[in-house]
Amino acid sequence: METLQFKTNIKCSGCIAVVTPVLNKIAGADNWEVDLQSPDKLLVVATDKAGKAEIQQAIEKAGYRAEAVA
């Protein structure tokens, strides 16, 4: 399973509620989390199903920004 990280503009529990269905569908429930305490609002996704581009597009379609961290 690959661990992917993204800098996001997901900044509150309301934002997380919006992206939850999208991320659960792509990565599976309990396979992702957003660190709201981090200045970069880091999204960490553990997946063997989706790549960086697919996750980034899904987040952007939900109305948020996601920038892959190398």
C-alpha atoms as a PDB file:
ATOM      1  CA  MET A   1       0.000   0.000   0.000  1.00  0.00           C
ATOM      2  CA  GLU A   2       1.333   3.415  -0.994  1.00  0.00           C
ATOM      3  CA  THR A   3       1.170   6.477   1.273  1.00  0.00           C
ATOM      4  CA  LEU A   4       0.525   9.754  -0.531  1.00  0.00           C
ATOM      5  CA  GLN A   5       0.683  13.236   0.998  1.00  0.00           C
ATOM      6  CA  PHE A   6      -0.925  16.460  -0.152  1.00  0.00           C
ATOM      7  CA  LYS A   7      -0.881  20.071   1.038  1.00  0.00           C
ATOM      8  CA  THR A   8      -4.513  21.210   1.099  1.00  0.00           C
ATOM      9  CA  ASN A   9      -6.804  24.073   2.015  1.00  0.00           C
ATOM     10  CA  ILE A  10      -9.062  21.746   4.023  1.00  0.00           C
ATOM     11  CA  LYS A  11      -9.182  23.674   7.285  1.00  0.00           C
ATOM     12  CA  CYS A  12     -12.148  22.606   9.418  1.00  0.00           C
ATOM     13  CA  SER A  13     -14.495  19.768  10.272  1.00  0.00           C
ATOM     14  CA  GLY A  14     -17.025  21.145   7.782  1.00  0.00           C
ATOM     15  CA  CYS A  15     -14.442  20.858   5.014  1.00  0.00           C
ATOM     16  CA  ILE A  16     -13.670  17.301   6.077  1.00  0.00           C
ATOM     17  CA  ALA A  17     -17.382  16.462   5.954  1.00  0.00           C
ATOM     18  CA  VAL A  18     -17.453  17.596   2.308  1.00  0.00           C
ATOM     19  CA  VAL A  19     -14.429  15.541   1.201  1.00  0.00           C
ATOM     20  CA  THR A  20     -15.220  12.439   3.273  1.00  0.00           C
ATOM     21  CA  PRO A  21     -17.529  10.771   0.702  1.00  0.00           C
ATOM     22  CA  VAL A  22     -15.043  11.494  -2.087  1.00  0.00           C
ATOM     23  CA  LEU A  23     -12.013  10.150  -0.217  1.00  0.00           C
ATOM     24  CA  ASN A  24     -13.891   7.159   1.187  1.00  0.00           C
ATOM     25  CA  LYS A  25     -14.896   6.200  -2.363  1.00  0.00           C
ATOM     26  CA  ILE A  26     -11.379   6.559  -3.770  1.00  0.00           C
ATOM     27  CA  ALA A  27      -9.180   5.371  -0.889  1.00  0.00           C
ATOM     28  CA  GLY A  28     -11.606   3.595   1.425  1.00  0.00           C
ATOM     29  CA  ALA A  29     -12.792   4.621   4.863  1.00  0.00           C
ATOM     30  CA  ASP A  30     -10.055   4.814   7.500  1.00  0.00           C
ATOM     31  CA  ASN A  31      -7.338   5.022   4.827  1.00  0.00           C
ATOM     32  CA  TRP A  32      -6.923   8.802   4.929  1.00  0.00           C
ATOM     33  CA  GLU A  33      -6.692  11.694   7.359  1.00  0.00           C
ATOM     34  CA  VAL A  34      -6.183  15.455   7.350  1.00  0.00           C
ATOM     35  CA  ASP A  35      -3.919  17.016   9.960  1.00  0.00           C
ATOM     36  CA  LEU A  36      -5.773  20.247  10.715  1.00  0.00           C
ATOM     37  CA  GLN A  37      -3.029  21.293  13.149  1.00  0.00           C
ATOM     38  CA  SER A  38      -0.382  21.296  10.414  1.00  0.00           C
ATOM     39  CA  PRO A  39       0.237  24.650   8.687  1.00  0.00           C
ATOM     40  CA  ASP A  40      -0.036  22.794   5.354  1.00  0.00           C
ATOM     41  CA  LYS A  41      -3.290  21.018   6.363  1.00  0.00           C
ATOM     42  CA  LEU A  42      -1.601  17.793   5.309  1.00  0.00           C
ATOM     43  CA  LEU A  43      -3.781  15.077   3.789  1.00  0.00           C
ATOM     44  CA  VAL A  44      -2.287  11.591   4.089  1.00  0.00           C
ATOM     45  CA  VAL A  45      -3.837   8.816   2.001  1.00  0.00           C
ATOM     46  CA  ALA A  46      -2.881   5.148   2.204  1.00  0.00           C
ATOM     47  CA  THR A  47      -4.046   3.500  -0.997  1.00  0.00           C
ATOM     48  CA  ASP A  48      -3.280   0.809  -3.497  1.00  0.00           C
ATOM     49  CA  LYS A  49      -6.204   1.824  -5.713  1.00  0.00           C
ATOM     50  CA  ALA A  50      -5.661   5.481  -6.631  1.00  0.00           C
ATOM     51  CA  GLY A  51      -2.739   7.578  -7.781  1.00  0.00           C
ATOM     52  CA  LYS A  52      -1.774  11.143  -6.939  1.00  0.00           C
ATOM     53  CA  ALA A  53      -3.525  12.644  -9.961  1.00  0.00           C
ATOM     54  CA  GLU A  54      -6.808  10.846  -9.278  1.00  0.00           C
ATOM     55  CA  ILE A  55      -6.887  11.915  -5.627  1.00  0.00           C
ATOM     56  CA  GLN A  56      -5.915  15.484  -6.496  1.00  0.00           C
ATOM     57  CA  GLN A  57      -8.680  15.718  -9.127  1.00  0.00           C
ATOM     58  CA  ALA A  58     -11.267  14.325  -6.709  1.00  0.00           C
ATOM     59  CA  ILE A  59     -10.331  16.858  -4.013  1.00  0.00           C
ATOM     60  CA  GLU A  60     -10.468  19.701  -6.537  1.00  0.00           C
ATOM     61  CA  LYS A  61     -13.845  18.500  -7.838  1.00  0.00           C
ATOM     62  CA  ALA A  62     -15.106  18.686  -4.232  1.00  0.00           C
ATOM     63  CA  GLY A  63     -14.034  22.346  -4.193  1.00  0.00           C
ATOM     64  CA  TYR A  64     -10.681  22.192  -2.427  1.00  0.00           C
ATOM     65  CA  ARG A  65      -7.041  22.451  -3.382  1.00  0.00           C
ATOM     66  CA  ALA A  66      -4.552  19.575  -3.116  1.00  0.00           C
ATOM     67  CA  GLU A  67      -0.872  19.774  -3.992  1.00  0.00           C
ATOM     68  CA  ALA A  68       1.115  16.550  -3.947  1.00  0.00           C
ATOM     69  CA  VAL A  69       4.118  16.513  -1.627  1.00  0.00           C
ATOM     70  CA  ALA A  70       7.162  14.808  -3.154  1.00  0.00           C
END
